[in-house]
Amino acid sequence: MSDYLPNLANDRESVKPKLTVIVIIIVTLAWFASSLVFPPNLEVYADEPAPARADISSVAVAKVAHDDLMQTLNLYGTTQANERFDIRAEVTGEVAEILAEEGQWVTIGDKILTIAPRERGLRLSELRARVSQQEIDYKSARNLAQKGLQSQSRVQNALAQLNEARAELKEAQIAVNLGVIRAPASGILESLNVDVGALVGPNIRVGSGAFTDGDSIAMVLDVEPTIVVAYVPEKYHGMVQLGREVTVKTADERTIVGHVKTLASLADEATRTFKVEIEVKQEVGVSHENYIPVGMTAQITLPLQQLKATLVPTSSLTISRDNQLGVKVILPKDQPATGEANKITGQVQFFPAKIVQQGADNQIWVTGLPSPVWLITSGFGYTPDGSYVTGIFDASDAKEVIAPLNDGSGNE
């Protein structure tokens, strides 16, 4: 008997850990079962049905309405010259003198440089002398023919020689004139690639690099007007109007006004965008210090179309259960009467909204809302679609958020 009692005590001690494990398992299963029967409300979507009991009693609202908006498109482009003129030597010779400087404003017809005629000058004198002699011979033959002392064939031969001499003289004179390089248009003499004494000509390479037939010896940029080139996305192509006034802001903070000059009908194959050219007139003239440089970056504000849109705070935008962007509004049961507190009660409704343009001061222009409407500006995350809430607003400025959300805890 004494041997059995110690064994019974040992059995009782071994049962205690087993009971503890069983209790822990039962408690764990009960906790999982309660989460399935009463799932926690982790997230409220914009269009989720209203709960049976609403803990939210008030939200901040602002009265907003449609306004006229000129929808604009912001683009980035670069300035370009209206036209670029590469000047090439059409005759062979040495540069005799340079009459203009790089960066200088030149007017059409101004001399830029001259090419020394060399042997052409001597040949010109010889041809003039030959023409004079042929004129004398022709007159003499004609006079003799009138007296019957010269045949008519001799007269015709003298006339042919005179015409030939005159043609050679004219050709030589043209060659000499081609030695005077003039500005083909008014603009900026952007580059001058030769010095005095340099040999130039149609088949002479200018400067270093590979040979090119008739290299440019100078370049003139026509910047009156200046062209700003940008590319319009395909979805806006039909909204761009030729001749419409455009605002251009250059990288050096100058704001100027231009007009839409051309819009391409063929899209760029790589970007699917359409080239647009903005013409910007600038009075440069001989005082060209303030002209817009070519190749500078510019921001373009391009008007597209007139819209009826609503300006709302960016923070009032939300997402519905089906991933629609929009806002929540209160559809009031009764309009507030004069003298009453700045409150309005109604049902919450979600409206999809389409963003059309960025506004100022953290506001954004949207379409798709009724007008006017009470916009929930604060607390919309706790107001399911279809619930009834009280909106608090500022009568002096309906667009200002003045009342915090009251959720019973003092926290928004």
Protein backbone atom coordinates (compact mmCIF):
# COMPACT_ATOMS: atom_id res chain seq x y z
CA MET A 1 0.00 0.00 0.00
CA SER A 2 2.79 2.32 0.87
CA ASP A 3 4.31 1.55 -2.49
CA TYR A 4 1.13 2.61 -4.39
CA LEU A 5 0.68 6.06 -2.77
CA PRO A 6 3.87 7.58 -4.23
CA ASN A 7 2.87 6.42 -7.73
CA LEU A 8 -0.58 8.07 -7.41
CA ALA A 9 1.03 11.37 -6.48
CA ASN A 10 3.28 11.19 -9.49
CA ASP A 11 0.27 10.61 -11.83
CA ARG A 12 -1.46 13.73 -10.52
CA GLU A 13 1.63 15.85 -11.17
CA SER A 14 1.79 14.60 -14.79
CA VAL A 15 -1.90 15.49 -15.46
CA LYS A 16 -1.46 19.24 -14.66
CA PRO A 17 0.57 20.20 -17.81
CA LYS A 18 -1.91 18.37 -20.01
CA LEU A 19 -4.83 20.38 -18.62
CA THR A 20 -2.96 23.64 -19.20
CA VAL A 21 -2.39 22.81 -22.89
CA ILE A 22 -6.07 21.90 -23.37
CA VAL A 23 -7.21 25.24 -21.87
CA ILE A 24 -4.88 27.21 -24.16
CA ILE A 25 -6.20 25.40 -27.24
CA ILE A 26 -9.84 26.07 -26.27
CA VAL A 27 -9.17 29.81 -25.74
CA THR A 28 -7.37 30.10 -29.10
CA LEU A 29 -10.22 28.41 -30.98
CA ALA A 30 -12.76 30.67 -29.29
CA TRP A 31 -10.77 33.80 -30.38
CA PHE A 32 -10.65 32.63 -34.03
CA ALA A 33 -14.37 31.87 -34.00
CA SER A 34 -15.22 35.34 -32.68
CA SER A 35 -13.22 37.00 -35.52
CA LEU A 36 -15.21 35.04 -38.09
CA VAL A 37 -18.58 35.87 -36.57
CA PHE A 38 -17.73 39.53 -35.88
CA PRO A 39 -15.12 40.62 -38.47
CA PRO A 40 -13.39 43.96 -37.74
CA ASN A 41 -14.20 46.95 -40.03
CA LEU A 42 -10.70 47.58 -41.36
CA GLU A 43 -11.50 49.94 -44.26
CA VAL A 44 -14.35 52.14 -45.44
CA TYR A 45 -14.65 52.71 -49.19
CA ALA A 46 -16.28 55.73 -50.74
CA ASP A 47 -19.33 53.78 -51.90
CA GLU A 48 -19.60 51.25 -49.01
CA PRO A 49 -23.17 50.94 -47.61
CA ALA A 50 -23.91 52.90 -44.46
CA PRO A 51 -23.46 51.00 -41.15
CA ALA A 52 -26.44 50.32 -38.93
CA ARG A 53 -25.09 52.78 -36.34
CA ALA A 54 -23.17 55.90 -37.35
CA ASP A 55 -20.48 57.15 -34.99
CA ILE A 56 -19.71 60.19 -37.17
CA SER A 57 -21.90 63.17 -36.37
CA SER A 58 -20.30 66.00 -38.37
CA VAL A 59 -17.91 66.76 -41.22
CA ALA A 60 -16.43 69.91 -42.73
CA VAL A 61 -18.06 71.04 -45.98
CA ALA A 62 -17.72 73.85 -48.52
CA LYS A 63 -20.22 75.01 -51.11
CA VAL A 64 -18.69 74.80 -54.59
CA ALA A 65 -20.12 75.53 -58.03
CA HIS A 66 -19.25 75.42 -61.72
CA ASP A 67 -17.02 78.15 -63.13
CA ASP A 68 -15.77 79.03 -66.60
CA LEU A 69 -12.36 77.48 -67.24
CA MET A 70 -10.11 77.72 -70.25
CA GLN A 71 -8.44 74.32 -70.25
CA THR A 72 -4.76 74.67 -71.06
CA LEU A 73 -1.95 72.28 -71.90
CA ASN A 74 1.56 72.86 -70.57
CA LEU A 75 4.33 71.81 -72.94
CA TYR A 76 8.10 72.15 -73.01
CA GLY A 77 9.85 73.09 -76.22
CA THR A 78 12.88 74.85 -77.64
CA THR A 79 13.35 78.11 -79.50
CA GLN A 80 14.44 78.00 -83.12
CA ALA A 81 15.35 80.54 -85.76
CA ASN A 82 12.68 81.42 -88.30
CA GLU A 83 15.26 80.49 -90.93
CA ARG A 84 18.95 79.59 -91.04
CA PHE A 85 21.17 80.72 -93.90
CA ASP A 86 24.46 78.92 -94.57
CA ILE A 87 26.60 81.13 -96.82
CA ARG A 88 29.02 79.46 -99.24
CA ALA A 89 31.64 80.88 -101.58
CA GLU A 90 30.63 80.55 -105.22
CA VAL A 91 34.00 81.71 -106.58
CA THR A 92 37.55 80.71 -105.75
CA GLY A 93 39.87 83.23 -104.16
CA GLU A 94 41.38 84.57 -100.97
CA VAL A 95 39.41 86.46 -98.33
CA ALA A 96 40.45 90.09 -98.82
CA GLU A 97 38.57 91.74 -95.95
CA ILE A 98 36.02 90.91 -93.27
CA LEU A 99 33.41 93.60 -92.75
CA ALA A 100 31.25 92.11 -89.94
CA GLU A 101 31.72 90.33 -86.62
CA GLU A 102 30.18 87.20 -85.14
CA GLY A 103 27.10 87.98 -83.08
CA GLN A 104 26.49 91.23 -84.95
CA TRP A 105 23.07 92.15 -86.28
CA VAL A 106 23.16 92.41 -90.09
CA THR A 107 20.55 93.74 -92.49
CA ILE A 108 19.77 92.05 -95.77
CA GLY A 109 22.35 93.11 -98.38
CA ASP A 110 25.03 94.15 -95.86
CA LYS A 111 28.57 93.19 -96.83
CA ILE A 112 30.05 90.44 -94.66
CA LEU A 113 33.37 89.82 -96.44
CA THR A 114 35.03 90.11 -99.85
CA ILE A 115 37.01 87.59 -101.86
CA ALA A 116 40.04 88.98 -103.74
CA PRO A 117 39.52 88.70 -107.54
CA ARG A 118 43.19 87.85 -108.27
CA GLU A 119 43.49 87.14 -112.01
CA ARG A 120 39.80 87.90 -112.47
CA GLY A 121 40.55 91.59 -111.93
CA LEU A 122 43.16 91.59 -114.70
CA ARG A 123 40.89 89.61 -117.00
CA LEU A 124 38.09 92.06 -116.36
CA SER A 125 40.26 94.94 -117.58
CA GLU A 126 41.25 92.96 -120.66
CA LEU A 127 37.63 92.16 -121.46
CA ARG A 128 36.60 95.79 -121.12
CA ALA A 129 39.35 96.79 -123.51
CA ARG A 130 38.30 94.07 -125.91
CA VAL A 131 34.68 95.23 -125.85
CA SER A 132 35.79 98.78 -126.61
CA GLN A 133 37.89 97.58 -129.55
CA GLN A 134 35.07 95.42 -130.92
CA GLU A 135 32.67 98.37 -130.73
CA ILE A 136 35.11 100.45 -132.79
CA ASP A 137 35.55 97.65 -135.36
CA TYR A 138 31.80 97.18 -135.66
CA LYS A 139 31.10 100.89 -136.19
CA SER A 140 33.88 101.12 -138.77
CA ALA A 141 32.58 98.11 -140.72
CA ARG A 142 29.05 99.49 -140.64
CA ASN A 143 30.13 102.91 -141.94
CA LEU A 144 32.14 101.35 -144.73
CA ALA A 145 29.22 99.13 -145.67
CA GLN A 146 26.94 102.16 -145.90
CA LYS A 147 29.38 103.71 -148.41
CA GLY A 148 29.57 100.48 -150.39
CA LEU A 149 33.14 99.89 -149.38
CA GLN A 150 32.49 96.90 -147.12
CA SER A 151 30.50 93.74 -147.55
CA GLN A 152 27.50 93.03 -145.37
CA SER A 153 29.06 89.75 -144.20
CA ARG A 154 31.99 91.68 -142.73
CA VAL A 155 29.55 93.82 -140.74
CA GLN A 156 27.76 90.75 -139.37
CA ASN A 157 31.07 89.20 -138.37
CA ALA A 158 32.10 92.35 -136.48
CA LEU A 159 28.74 92.40 -134.65
CA ALA A 160 29.13 88.76 -133.62
CA GLN A 161 32.59 89.42 -132.19
CA LEU A 162 31.23 92.42 -130.25
CA ASN A 163 28.40 90.38 -128.72
CA GLU A 164 30.85 87.65 -127.73
CA ALA A 165 33.11 90.16 -125.97
CA ARG A 166 30.16 91.71 -124.15
CA ALA A 167 29.01 88.26 -122.92
CA GLU A 168 32.48 87.43 -121.59
CA LEU A 169 32.65 90.80 -119.84
CA LYS A 170 29.24 90.22 -118.21
CA GLU A 171 30.27 86.78 -117.02
CA ALA A 172 33.48 88.14 -115.53
CA GLN A 173 31.59 90.97 -113.84
CA ILE A 174 29.20 88.43 -112.24
CA ALA A 175 32.17 86.47 -110.94
CA VAL A 176 33.63 89.61 -109.38
CA ASN A 177 30.28 90.44 -107.78
CA LEU A 178 30.10 86.92 -106.33
CA GLY A 179 33.30 87.74 -104.51
CA VAL A 180 31.34 90.17 -102.33
CA ILE A 181 29.54 88.08 -99.70
CA ARG A 182 26.36 89.82 -98.49
CA ALA A 183 23.78 88.98 -95.84
CA PRO A 184 20.97 87.00 -97.50
CA ALA A 185 18.51 88.15 -94.80
CA SER A 186 18.33 90.37 -91.75
CA GLY A 187 19.39 88.57 -88.61
CA ILE A 188 22.25 87.55 -86.34
CA LEU A 189 25.61 86.72 -87.89
CA GLU A 190 25.95 83.58 -85.83
CA SER A 191 29.25 82.29 -87.21
CA LEU A 192 32.11 83.43 -89.42
CA ASN A 193 34.37 80.52 -90.29
CA VAL A 194 37.21 82.20 -92.22
CA ASP A 195 39.96 84.75 -91.64
CA VAL A 196 41.60 87.26 -93.94
CA GLY A 197 43.86 85.45 -96.41
CA ALA A 198 41.96 82.17 -96.25
CA LEU A 199 41.46 80.43 -99.58
CA VAL A 200 37.78 79.72 -100.22
CA GLY A 201 35.78 78.40 -103.13
CA PRO A 202 33.17 75.85 -104.24
CA ASN A 203 35.65 72.97 -104.02
CA ILE A 204 37.78 74.10 -101.09
CA ARG A 205 37.36 72.77 -97.55
CA VAL A 206 36.83 75.42 -94.87
CA GLY A 207 38.31 74.70 -91.44
CA SER A 208 39.11 71.22 -90.15
CA GLY A 209 37.28 67.98 -90.73
CA ALA A 210 36.27 66.00 -93.78
CA PHE A 211 36.02 67.77 -97.12
CA THR A 212 32.59 69.05 -98.11
CA ASP A 213 31.87 70.62 -101.44
CA GLY A 214 31.17 74.27 -100.75
CA ASP A 215 31.56 74.42 -96.95
CA SER A 216 29.77 77.22 -95.14
CA ILE A 217 31.94 80.28 -94.62
CA ALA A 218 29.31 82.12 -92.54
CA MET A 219 25.83 81.59 -91.05
CA VAL A 220 23.01 84.08 -90.50
CA LEU A 221 20.02 83.35 -88.24
CA ASP A 222 16.72 85.04 -89.00
CA VAL A 223 15.11 85.52 -85.55
CA GLU A 224 12.29 87.86 -86.55
CA PRO A 225 10.07 86.09 -85.67
CA THR A 226 11.43 83.36 -83.41
CA ILE A 227 9.81 79.91 -83.56
CA VAL A 228 9.16 77.78 -80.46
CA VAL A 229 8.81 74.09 -81.31
CA ALA A 230 7.01 71.59 -79.05
CA TYR A 231 5.12 68.31 -79.41
CA VAL A 232 1.42 67.81 -78.60
CA PRO A 233 0.14 64.44 -77.28
CA GLU A 234 -2.27 62.77 -79.67
CA LYS A 235 -5.28 63.06 -77.34
CA TYR A 236 -5.09 66.88 -77.55
CA HIS A 237 -4.43 67.21 -81.29
CA GLY A 238 -8.04 68.05 -82.16
CA MET A 239 -8.19 70.81 -79.53
CA VAL A 240 -5.30 72.90 -80.89
CA GLN A 241 -6.40 75.85 -83.02
CA LEU A 242 -4.15 77.68 -85.49
CA GLY A 243 -3.66 81.36 -84.69
CA ARG A 244 -4.62 80.97 -81.02
CA GLU A 245 -2.69 83.14 -78.57
CA VAL A 246 -0.10 81.26 -76.53
CA THR A 247 1.99 82.22 -73.49
CA VAL A 248 5.68 81.30 -73.63
CA LYS A 249 8.07 81.46 -70.66
CA THR A 250 11.75 81.04 -71.49
CA ALA A 251 14.39 79.47 -69.29
CA ASP A 252 15.73 82.93 -68.39
CA GLU A 253 12.30 83.85 -66.89
CA ARG A 254 11.04 86.00 -69.78
CA THR A 255 7.31 85.75 -70.50
CA ILE A 256 6.24 86.54 -74.04
CA VAL A 257 3.12 86.06 -76.17
CA GLY A 258 3.00 84.12 -79.42
CA HIS A 259 0.53 82.43 -81.76
CA VAL A 260 0.13 78.89 -83.05
CA LYS A 261 1.71 78.94 -86.52
CA THR A 262 1.54 75.30 -87.66
CA LEU A 263 0.37 71.93 -86.35
CA ALA A 264 1.61 68.74 -87.94
CA SER A 265 -0.83 66.20 -89.34
CA LEU A 266 1.71 63.36 -89.23
CA ALA A 267 2.64 62.02 -85.80
CA ASP A 268 6.16 61.17 -84.76
CA GLU A 269 6.43 57.39 -85.11
CA ALA A 270 8.38 56.94 -81.88
CA THR A 271 6.42 59.22 -79.52
CA ARG A 272 3.01 59.48 -81.25
CA THR A 273 3.09 63.23 -80.74
CA PHE A 274 2.48 66.04 -83.21
CA LYS A 275 4.88 68.90 -83.87
CA VAL A 276 3.49 72.37 -83.14
CA GLU A 277 5.23 75.65 -83.98
CA ILE A 278 4.61 78.82 -82.00
CA GLU A 279 5.52 82.11 -83.68
CA VAL A 280 6.90 84.73 -81.30
CA LYS A 281 7.47 88.18 -82.75
CA GLN A 282 10.27 90.19 -81.23
CA GLU A 283 11.54 93.56 -82.33
CA VAL A 284 15.27 92.95 -82.44
CA GLY A 285 16.66 95.40 -85.02
CA VAL A 286 20.14 96.80 -84.66
CA SER A 287 19.80 96.63 -80.86
CA HIS A 288 19.69 92.86 -80.47
CA GLU A 289 20.97 92.42 -76.91
CA ASN A 290 17.57 91.23 -75.63
CA TYR A 291 16.66 88.83 -78.39
CA ILE A 292 15.65 85.29 -77.42
CA PRO A 293 18.57 82.93 -78.08
CA VAL A 294 18.06 79.99 -80.40
CA GLY A 295 17.94 76.57 -78.71
CA MET A 296 16.70 77.81 -75.33
CA THR A 297 14.17 75.75 -73.37
CA ALA A 298 10.71 77.29 -73.09
CA GLN A 299 7.49 76.41 -71.28
CA ILE A 300 4.35 76.82 -73.37
CA THR A 301 0.84 77.34 -71.99
CA LEU A 302 -1.42 76.30 -74.85
CA PRO A 303 -5.18 77.06 -74.57
CA LEU A 304 -7.37 74.12 -75.61
CA GLN A 305 -11.09 74.57 -74.90
CA GLN A 306 -13.61 76.41 -72.72
CA LEU A 307 -15.16 74.23 -69.98
CA LYS A 308 -17.59 74.36 -67.08
CA ALA A 309 -15.54 72.94 -64.21
CA THR A 310 -15.41 72.96 -60.40
CA LEU A 311 -12.40 74.01 -58.33
CA VAL A 312 -11.95 71.68 -55.35
CA PRO A 313 -9.18 71.08 -52.79
CA THR A 314 -6.81 68.35 -53.89
CA SER A 315 -7.22 66.74 -50.45
CA SER A 316 -10.96 66.20 -51.06
CA LEU A 317 -10.33 63.57 -53.77
CA THR A 318 -10.95 59.94 -52.82
CA ILE A 319 -11.17 56.50 -54.42
CA SER A 320 -14.32 54.34 -54.59
CA ARG A 321 -14.48 50.58 -54.13
CA ASP A 322 -14.36 50.10 -57.92
CA ASN A 323 -11.27 52.34 -58.15
CA GLN A 324 -13.05 55.44 -59.46
CA LEU A 325 -11.56 58.83 -58.62
CA GLY A 326 -14.07 61.29 -57.21
CA VAL A 327 -15.36 63.28 -54.23
CA LYS A 328 -18.03 62.92 -51.55
CA VAL A 329 -20.82 65.45 -51.21
CA ILE A 330 -23.82 65.98 -48.94
CA LEU A 331 -27.24 66.06 -50.55
CA PRO A 332 -29.12 68.16 -47.96
CA LYS A 333 -32.65 67.50 -46.76
CA ASP A 334 -33.17 71.17 -45.85
CA GLN A 335 -31.24 74.31 -46.80
CA PRO A 336 -29.96 76.29 -43.80
CA ALA A 337 -32.09 79.31 -42.97
CA THR A 338 -30.77 82.78 -42.27
CA GLY A 339 -29.72 83.21 -38.68
CA GLU A 340 -29.20 79.49 -38.05
CA ALA A 341 -25.86 77.90 -37.25
CA ASN A 342 -23.58 77.09 -40.18
CA LYS A 343 -24.77 73.50 -40.42
CA ILE A 344 -26.49 71.38 -42.99
CA THR A 345 -27.73 67.80 -42.71
CA GLY A 346 -28.05 65.35 -45.54
CA GLN A 347 -27.04 62.09 -47.15
CA VAL A 348 -23.50 61.34 -48.30
CA GLN A 349 -23.07 60.54 -51.99
CA PHE A 350 -19.98 59.75 -54.03
CA PHE A 351 -19.55 61.46 -57.43
CA PRO A 352 -16.89 60.38 -59.96
CA ALA A 353 -14.75 63.35 -61.01
CA LYS A 354 -12.42 63.88 -63.95
CA ILE A 355 -9.34 66.02 -63.40
CA VAL A 356 -8.96 68.55 -66.21
CA GLN A 357 -6.37 70.98 -64.89
CA GLN A 358 -4.18 71.82 -61.91
CA GLY A 359 -5.25 74.88 -59.94
CA ALA A 360 -3.42 77.12 -57.50
CA ASP A 361 -2.91 76.68 -53.75
CA ASN A 362 -3.36 72.88 -53.66
CA GLN A 363 -6.61 73.01 -55.61
CA ILE A 364 -7.63 71.19 -58.77
CA TRP A 365 -10.23 71.65 -61.52
CA VAL A 366 -12.61 68.72 -62.05
CA THR A 367 -15.73 67.96 -64.08
CA GLY A 368 -18.61 65.62 -63.32
CA LEU A 369 -20.08 67.32 -60.23
CA PRO A 370 -23.50 68.93 -59.90
CA SER A 371 -23.62 72.68 -59.30
CA PRO A 372 -23.83 74.02 -56.70
CA VAL A 373 -23.02 71.23 -54.27
CA TRP A 374 -21.88 70.79 -50.67
CA LEU A 375 -18.42 69.22 -50.92
CA ILE A 376 -17.09 67.24 -47.96
CA THR A 377 -13.61 68.66 -47.45
CA SER A 378 -12.65 66.88 -44.23
CA GLY A 379 -13.83 63.63 -42.67
CA PHE A 380 -15.01 61.94 -45.87
CA GLY A 381 -12.93 58.87 -45.03
CA TYR A 382 -15.33 58.08 -42.18
CA THR A 383 -18.59 58.73 -44.05
CA PRO A 384 -19.83 55.73 -46.06
CA ASP A 385 -21.91 56.34 -49.15
CA GLY A 386 -25.57 56.70 -48.17
CA SER A 387 -24.99 57.69 -44.53
CA TYR A 388 -26.56 60.79 -42.99
CA VAL A 389 -24.19 63.39 -41.51
CA THR A 390 -24.12 67.03 -40.50
CA GLY A 391 -21.91 69.33 -42.53
CA ILE A 392 -20.36 72.41 -40.90
CA PHE A 393 -19.32 75.29 -43.13
CA ASP A 394 -18.14 78.90 -43.03
CA ALA A 395 -20.80 81.22 -44.40
CA SER A 396 -18.23 83.96 -45.13
CA ASP A 397 -16.17 81.74 -47.37
CA ALA A 398 -17.75 78.45 -48.43
CA LYS A 399 -14.46 77.21 -49.88
CA GLU A 400 -12.61 77.33 -46.55
CA VAL A 401 -12.46 74.28 -44.29
CA ILE A 402 -13.31 75.54 -40.80
CA ALA A 403 -14.75 72.61 -38.81
CA PRO A 404 -12.89 69.46 -37.75
CA LEU A 405 -14.50 66.06 -37.92
CA ASN A 406 -16.23 65.05 -34.70
CA ASP A 407 -15.93 61.29 -34.31
CA GLY A 408 -16.65 61.20 -30.58
CA SER A 409 -13.00 60.86 -29.64
CA GLY A 410 -11.82 64.34 -30.35
CA ASN A 411 -9.55 63.09 -33.16
CA GLU A 412 -10.07 63.58 -36.86
